[in-house]
Amino acid sequence: MSPSAVAPSLSRTKRFVIAAASAINDAACRSDGTVNRRLVSLLDARVAASAKPFRGVRTADVPVDLSCDLWFRLFVPSSVSDGERLPTMVFFHGGGFAFLSPDSYLFDDVCRRICRTVHALVVSVNYRLAPEHRCPAQYEDGAHVLRFLDGGGLLYADPSAAELADLSSCFLVGDSAGGNIVHHVARRWAADADGGWKRVRLSGMVLIQPYFGGEERTEAELRLVGAPLVSVERTDWLWRAFLPEGADRDHESSNVFGPREVGELEEALPAAMVVVGGFDPLQDWQRRYYKGLRARGKEARLVEYPEAFHSFYAFPDLKQSTVLMEELKSFVDSHRPRKEEGRK
């Protein structure tokens, strides 16, 4: 099979960046199942939060639970009309559950673009990483942040942002492993939606190339050998690092509609937008997730980019990346509750 069949046309610079990132991540994933964090730090450039707006957005790091290093980076548009209330987007970053954080340059930039394009508050969660912290720690951290927001935590951490935050118009957003977290956190919210939440109402969830899997090898996984960033060998290692000890890839955390599916989907589970790339080896699992939602009576929208590779959205100069931001804005705008439906 020719290289063009498994990889999109990319500039020499992008190919170099992707190759370097892949090589460092591969070297950091040790055979004993641990991660060489010092080596990862060579690739993971960090950006400090800034109260002074940069590219139309100010940021602040908000602690939630210092005992487990749970915090989030808050992104706030610098230009807001008097009395305006903004949708709140709780973001979970990708990285195979094992890498990166909200202050990584990559995700600081992605969330800044989301904040500016959608005109929303963005809460980017620093959840615990595998393999030091296995599933379900990441899901628990996500639910903990929702409880923090629901309990008025933002009012004490950043009063001016709290005045802008419309928690009755809350969206969960995540890419790759973060997309997986979105599903499981949304289910935790929905299970207690009937009276269990004071302020937070989920209006939608956006799963950007979500990281799902199973024991089966799909057609795309077998065909797209050599695709950028994602390979069967890498995803297998990351599943072993993340899933509970002794679990296989058909665990309900990875194969959510597979042979070990847990219970019926909650009635309150919100509408979903699922993003798929044509050069992503995970695409078959992502389409199955979308079809699984539809088969169970849930509102779901599939957005496909045939020329996109895994993590294409991290490159703002790519046309698909810009289009995705506009699609995200459209989804949020169309799923925000009308003012008379929102909570006061």
Protein backbone atom coordinates (compact mmCIF):
# COMPACT_ATOMS: atom_id res chain seq x y z
CA MET A 1 0.00 0.00 0.00
CA SER A 2 1.40 3.40 -0.97
CA PRO A 3 2.15 5.95 1.77
CA SER A 4 -0.50 8.31 0.32
CA ALA A 5 -3.15 5.71 1.16
CA VAL A 6 -2.50 5.98 4.90
CA ALA A 7 -1.41 9.57 5.41
CA PRO A 8 -2.63 13.00 4.25
CA SER A 9 -0.49 15.46 2.38
CA LEU A 10 1.42 17.47 4.99
CA SER A 11 4.19 20.03 4.90
CA ARG A 12 7.72 18.97 5.75
CA THR A 13 7.53 20.94 9.01
CA LYS A 14 4.35 19.18 10.13
CA ARG A 15 5.77 15.79 9.23
CA PHE A 16 8.85 16.56 11.33
CA VAL A 17 6.80 17.74 14.34
CA ILE A 18 4.57 14.67 14.20
CA ALA A 19 7.52 12.31 13.79
CA ALA A 20 9.37 13.91 16.72
CA ALA A 21 6.31 13.74 18.96
CA SER A 22 5.73 10.09 18.06
CA ALA A 23 9.36 9.15 18.67
CA ILE A 24 9.54 10.83 22.09
CA ASN A 25 6.22 9.37 23.22
CA ASP A 26 7.27 5.90 22.09
CA ALA A 27 10.55 6.20 23.96
CA ALA A 28 8.76 7.45 27.08
CA CYS A 29 6.42 4.42 27.20
CA ARG A 30 8.56 1.87 29.00
CA SER A 31 8.17 -1.88 28.60
CA ASP A 32 7.33 -2.21 32.30
CA GLY A 33 4.18 -0.09 31.81
CA THR A 34 5.53 3.14 33.32
CA VAL A 35 6.09 6.53 31.70
CA ASN A 36 9.39 8.40 31.60
CA ARG A 37 7.99 11.77 32.67
CA ARG A 38 11.35 13.53 32.36
CA LEU A 39 11.60 12.54 28.70
CA VAL A 40 8.01 13.62 28.03
CA SER A 41 8.81 17.07 29.45
CA LEU A 42 11.22 17.65 26.55
CA LEU A 43 8.24 17.68 24.21
CA ASP A 44 5.58 19.17 26.45
CA ALA A 45 6.13 22.94 26.44
CA ARG A 46 4.10 24.66 29.16
CA VAL A 47 2.36 28.05 29.17
CA ALA A 48 1.61 30.05 32.31
CA ALA A 49 -1.86 31.46 32.94
CA SER A 50 -2.19 35.19 32.32
CA ALA A 51 -4.67 37.69 33.73
CA LYS A 52 -3.64 40.00 30.89
CA PRO A 53 -5.62 39.07 27.77
CA PHE A 54 -3.68 37.39 24.99
CA ARG A 55 -5.35 36.95 21.61
CA GLY A 56 -8.61 38.10 23.11
CA VAL A 57 -8.64 35.69 26.05
CA ARG A 58 -7.50 35.89 29.68
CA THR A 59 -6.68 32.77 31.71
CA ALA A 60 -6.48 31.70 35.34
CA ASP A 61 -5.64 28.42 37.06
CA VAL A 62 -8.28 27.41 39.59
CA PRO A 63 -7.59 24.75 42.29
CA VAL A 64 -10.33 22.20 42.97
CA ASP A 65 -8.71 19.55 45.16
CA LEU A 66 -5.04 20.00 46.00
CA SER A 67 -4.82 16.53 47.57
CA CYS A 68 -4.96 14.99 44.07
CA ASP A 69 -3.64 17.97 42.08
CA LEU A 70 -7.06 18.55 40.55
CA TRP A 71 -7.37 22.00 39.00
CA PHE A 72 -8.54 23.62 35.82
CA ARG A 73 -7.44 26.42 33.54
CA LEU A 74 -10.19 28.95 32.99
CA PHE A 75 -10.41 30.77 29.65
CA VAL A 76 -12.48 33.97 29.56
CA PRO A 77 -13.12 36.18 26.50
CA SER A 78 -11.83 39.69 27.06
CA SER A 79 -14.69 41.32 25.15
CA VAL A 80 -18.10 40.70 26.70
CA SER A 81 -21.26 42.81 26.56
CA ASP A 82 -22.89 44.13 29.73
CA GLY A 83 -25.17 41.51 31.24
CA GLU A 84 -24.08 38.84 28.77
CA ARG A 85 -24.08 35.22 29.95
CA LEU A 86 -21.77 32.76 28.21
CA PRO A 87 -22.06 29.02 27.71
CA THR A 88 -19.62 27.04 29.84
CA MET A 89 -17.51 24.42 28.08
CA VAL A 90 -15.76 21.87 30.27
CA PHE A 91 -12.83 20.56 28.25
CA PHE A 92 -10.89 17.31 28.69
CA HIS A 93 -7.58 17.15 26.86
CA GLY A 94 -6.26 14.22 24.86
CA GLY A 95 -2.99 12.37 25.29
CA GLY A 96 -4.00 8.74 25.72
CA PHE A 97 -4.95 9.35 29.38
CA ALA A 98 -1.20 9.42 30.08
CA PHE A 99 0.21 12.66 28.64
CA LEU A 100 -0.22 16.44 28.57
CA SER A 101 -2.25 18.90 30.65
CA PRO A 102 -4.26 22.15 30.39
CA ASP A 103 -1.07 24.23 30.57
CA SER A 104 0.55 22.32 27.70
CA TYR A 105 1.08 24.79 24.86
CA LEU A 106 -0.96 22.59 22.53
CA PHE A 107 -4.10 22.62 24.68
CA ASP A 108 -3.71 26.17 25.93
CA ASP A 109 -3.86 27.19 22.29
CA VAL A 110 -6.77 24.87 21.40
CA CYS A 111 -8.87 26.08 24.34
CA ARG A 112 -8.01 29.71 23.62
CA ARG A 113 -9.29 29.24 20.06
CA ILE A 114 -12.47 27.56 21.32
CA CYS A 115 -13.07 30.37 23.81
CA ARG A 116 -12.59 33.04 21.17
CA THR A 117 -14.52 31.33 18.33
CA VAL A 118 -17.48 30.03 20.33
CA HIS A 119 -17.49 33.04 22.66
CA ALA A 120 -17.71 30.86 25.75
CA LEU A 121 -16.03 30.22 29.06
CA VAL A 122 -13.74 27.20 28.83
CA VAL A 123 -12.85 25.10 31.87
CA SER A 124 -9.90 22.87 30.91
CA VAL A 125 -9.50 20.06 33.45
CA ASN A 126 -6.19 18.81 34.81
CA TYR A 127 -7.24 15.24 35.55
CA ARG A 128 -4.93 12.58 36.98
CA LEU A 129 -2.85 10.65 34.45
CA ALA A 130 -2.27 6.96 33.84
CA PRO A 131 -0.49 4.72 34.60
CA GLU A 132 0.06 6.31 38.01
CA HIS A 133 -3.72 6.69 38.28
CA ARG A 134 -5.83 4.14 36.45
CA CYS A 135 -9.44 4.22 35.36
CA PRO A 136 -11.82 5.46 36.75
CA ALA A 137 -9.71 8.23 38.34
CA GLN A 138 -10.04 10.42 35.21
CA TYR A 139 -13.83 10.09 35.16
CA GLU A 140 -14.03 10.81 38.89
CA ASP A 141 -11.94 13.97 38.44
CA GLY A 142 -14.24 15.17 35.67
CA ALA A 143 -17.33 14.64 37.82
CA HIS A 144 -15.56 16.36 40.73
CA VAL A 145 -15.05 19.49 38.63
CA LEU A 146 -18.74 19.52 37.68
CA ARG A 147 -19.63 19.29 41.38
CA PHE A 148 -17.23 22.15 42.11
CA LEU A 149 -18.97 24.33 39.52
CA ASP A 150 -22.40 23.20 40.69
CA GLY A 151 -21.55 24.14 44.26
CA GLY A 152 -20.63 27.70 43.30
CA GLY A 153 -16.87 27.18 43.45
CA LEU A 154 -16.27 29.56 40.56
CA LEU A 155 -17.91 32.38 42.50
CA TYR A 156 -15.12 32.24 45.08
CA ALA A 157 -12.30 31.51 42.64
CA ASP A 158 -13.11 34.11 39.99
CA PRO A 159 -16.20 36.26 40.77
CA SER A 160 -16.11 38.16 37.47
CA ALA A 161 -16.04 34.91 35.47
CA ALA A 162 -18.80 33.47 37.66
CA GLU A 163 -21.05 36.38 36.67
CA LEU A 164 -20.54 35.46 33.01
CA ALA A 165 -20.92 31.70 33.37
CA ASP A 166 -24.24 30.25 32.27
CA LEU A 167 -24.06 26.83 33.94
CA SER A 168 -27.51 25.98 32.64
CA SER A 169 -25.84 25.94 29.22
CA CYS A 170 -22.91 23.63 29.93
CA PHE A 171 -21.15 21.51 27.32
CA LEU A 172 -18.59 18.76 27.78
CA VAL A 173 -15.87 18.78 25.12
CA GLY A 174 -12.90 16.47 24.69
CA ASP A 175 -10.46 15.25 22.10
CA SER A 176 -9.13 11.70 21.79
CA ALA A 177 -8.88 10.31 25.35
CA GLY A 178 -10.70 13.45 26.45
CA GLY A 179 -13.60 12.45 24.22
CA ASN A 180 -13.77 9.13 26.03
CA ILE A 181 -13.84 11.01 29.35
CA VAL A 182 -16.68 13.20 28.06
CA HIS A 183 -18.93 10.16 27.57
CA HIS A 184 -18.28 8.71 31.01
CA VAL A 185 -18.55 12.02 32.86
CA ALA A 186 -21.77 12.84 31.02
CA ARG A 187 -23.23 9.52 32.17
CA ARG A 188 -22.31 10.34 35.75
CA TRP A 189 -24.06 13.68 35.46
CA ALA A 190 -27.11 12.18 33.73
CA ALA A 191 -27.48 9.45 36.36
CA ASP A 192 -28.18 12.16 38.94
CA ALA A 193 -29.81 14.72 36.67
CA ASP A 194 -33.23 14.46 38.29
CA GLY A 195 -32.72 16.81 41.20
CA GLY A 196 -29.08 16.02 41.95
CA TRP A 197 -27.65 19.20 40.45
CA LYS A 198 -28.38 22.79 41.48
CA ARG A 199 -26.73 24.79 38.72
CA VAL A 200 -25.08 22.57 36.10
CA ARG A 201 -27.22 21.47 33.20
CA LEU A 202 -25.56 19.64 30.32
CA SER A 203 -26.80 20.88 26.97
CA GLY A 204 -24.47 18.82 24.79
CA MET A 205 -21.26 16.88 24.47
CA VAL A 206 -18.62 17.12 21.76
CA LEU A 207 -16.30 14.17 21.19
CA ILE A 208 -13.45 15.08 18.84
CA GLN A 209 -11.91 11.88 17.44
CA PRO A 210 -12.71 10.07 20.70
CA TYR A 211 -10.46 7.28 21.91
CA PHE A 212 -12.56 4.12 22.02
CA GLY A 213 -11.47 0.59 21.26
CA GLY A 214 -11.93 -3.12 21.72
CA GLU A 215 -10.28 -6.51 21.29
CA GLU A 216 -11.28 -6.63 17.63
CA ARG A 217 -8.96 -5.14 15.02
CA THR A 218 -11.07 -2.95 12.78
CA GLU A 219 -10.65 -2.37 9.08
CA ALA A 220 -9.26 1.12 9.61
CA GLU A 221 -6.77 -0.05 12.25
CA LEU A 222 -5.44 -2.67 9.83
CA ARG A 223 -5.48 -0.42 6.76
CA LEU A 224 -4.00 2.78 8.20
CA VAL A 225 -0.66 1.37 9.30
CA GLY A 226 1.74 4.29 9.25
CA ALA A 227 -0.89 6.98 9.82
CA PRO A 228 0.29 10.02 11.82
CA LEU A 229 0.44 9.73 15.62
CA VAL A 230 -1.85 6.72 16.15
CA SER A 231 -0.86 3.08 15.77
CA VAL A 232 -2.17 -0.20 17.15
CA GLU A 233 1.03 -0.64 19.16
CA ARG A 234 0.65 2.79 20.80
CA THR A 235 -3.05 2.45 21.57
CA ASP A 236 -2.56 -1.06 22.97
CA TRP A 237 0.14 0.22 25.35
CA LEU A 238 -2.05 3.11 26.47
CA TRP A 239 -5.06 0.87 27.10
CA ARG A 240 -2.91 -1.41 29.26
CA ALA A 241 -1.71 1.63 31.22
CA PHE A 242 -5.20 3.06 31.70
CA LEU A 243 -7.62 0.18 32.19
CA PRO A 244 -7.96 -1.59 35.56
CA GLU A 245 -5.36 -4.29 36.18
CA GLY A 246 -6.29 -7.47 34.31
CA ALA A 247 -8.91 -5.82 32.07
CA ASP A 248 -8.86 -6.19 28.30
CA ARG A 249 -9.90 -3.71 25.63
CA ASP A 250 -13.53 -4.88 25.74
CA HIS A 251 -13.80 -3.28 29.18
CA GLU A 252 -16.81 -0.96 29.34
CA SER A 253 -14.53 2.07 29.59
CA SER A 254 -13.04 1.46 26.15
CA ASN A 255 -15.70 -0.53 24.27
CA VAL A 256 -18.70 1.33 25.65
CA PHE A 257 -21.30 -0.44 23.49
CA GLY A 258 -19.44 -3.74 23.41
CA PRO A 259 -20.06 -7.12 25.04
CA ARG A 260 -19.71 -5.66 28.56
CA GLU A 261 -21.91 -2.62 28.10
CA VAL A 262 -23.06 -1.31 31.48
CA GLY A 263 -26.78 -0.59 31.75
CA GLU A 264 -29.04 1.47 29.52
CA LEU A 265 -28.05 5.01 28.66
CA GLU A 266 -29.58 7.55 30.99
CA GLU A 267 -32.56 9.47 29.66
CA ALA A 268 -30.89 12.79 30.46
CA LEU A 269 -27.73 12.08 28.42
CA PRO A 270 -27.40 15.18 26.21
CA ALA A 271 -27.05 15.49 22.45
CA ALA A 272 -23.66 14.58 21.00
CA MET A 273 -21.45 15.77 18.18
CA VAL A 274 -18.90 13.15 17.13
CA VAL A 275 -15.94 14.21 14.98
CA VAL A 276 -14.16 11.67 12.75
CA GLY A 277 -11.08 11.97 10.53
CA GLY A 278 -10.52 9.91 7.42
CA PHE A 279 -6.86 9.19 8.25
CA ASP A 280 -7.52 8.27 11.89
CA PRO A 281 -7.09 4.54 12.62
CA LEU A 282 -9.69 4.94 15.41
CA GLN A 283 -12.43 6.06 13.03
CA ASP A 284 -14.35 2.76 12.97
CA TRP A 285 -14.70 2.82 16.76
CA GLN A 286 -15.83 6.45 16.59
CA ARG A 287 -18.53 5.68 14.01
CA ARG A 288 -19.68 2.71 16.09
CA TYR A 289 -20.04 5.04 19.05
CA TYR A 290 -22.15 7.45 16.99
CA LYS A 291 -24.31 4.59 15.69
CA GLY A 292 -24.59 3.20 19.22
CA LEU A 293 -26.00 6.49 20.45
CA ARG A 294 -28.50 6.67 17.60
CA ALA A 295 -29.54 3.03 18.07
CA ARG A 296 -30.33 3.81 21.70
CA GLY A 297 -32.53 6.76 20.82
CA LYS A 298 -30.04 9.55 21.52
CA GLU A 299 -29.56 12.68 19.47
CA ALA A 300 -26.19 12.53 17.74
CA ARG A 301 -24.49 14.29 14.87
CA LEU A 302 -21.56 12.86 12.92
CA VAL A 303 -19.05 15.34 11.50
CA GLU A 304 -16.48 13.83 9.14
CA TYR A 305 -13.29 15.28 7.68
CA PRO A 306 -12.04 12.78 5.05
CA GLU A 307 -8.55 14.31 4.82
CA ALA A 308 -7.99 14.73 8.57
CA PHE A 309 -5.51 12.78 10.68
CA HIS A 310 -5.70 12.22 14.44
CA SER A 311 -5.21 15.54 16.30
CA PHE A 312 -5.56 17.67 13.15
CA TYR A 313 -7.32 20.34 15.25
CA ALA A 314 -4.04 21.12 17.00
CA PHE A 315 -2.76 22.76 13.80
CA PRO A 316 -4.63 26.07 13.44
CA ASP A 317 -3.32 26.68 9.91
CA LEU A 318 -5.11 23.59 8.59
CA LYS A 319 -8.41 24.41 6.90
CA GLN A 320 -10.18 21.50 8.64
CA SER A 321 -9.09 22.86 12.02
CA THR A 322 -10.74 26.22 11.33
CA VAL A 323 -13.88 24.56 9.99
CA LEU A 324 -14.10 22.39 13.13
CA MET A 325 -14.10 25.48 15.34
CA GLU A 326 -17.02 26.87 13.37
CA GLU A 327 -18.85 23.53 13.57
CA LEU A 328 -18.33 23.56 17.31
CA LYS A 329 -19.78 27.06 17.55
CA SER A 330 -22.78 26.02 15.46
CA PHE A 331 -23.44 23.00 17.69
CA VAL A 332 -23.25 25.08 20.86
CA ASP A 333 -25.44 27.84 19.46
CA SER A 334 -28.09 25.38 18.31
CA HIS A 335 -28.18 23.45 21.59
CA ARG A 336 -28.14 26.28 24.11
CA PRO A 337 -31.44 26.41 26.00
CA ARG A 338 -33.64 29.40 25.26
CA LYS A 339 -33.50 32.07 27.94
CA GLU A 340 -36.86 31.13 29.36
CA GLU A 341 -35.66 27.52 29.70
CA GLY A 342 -32.38 28.37 31.48
CA ARG A 343 -32.00 28.30 35.20
CA LYS A 344 -31.58 31.52 37.06
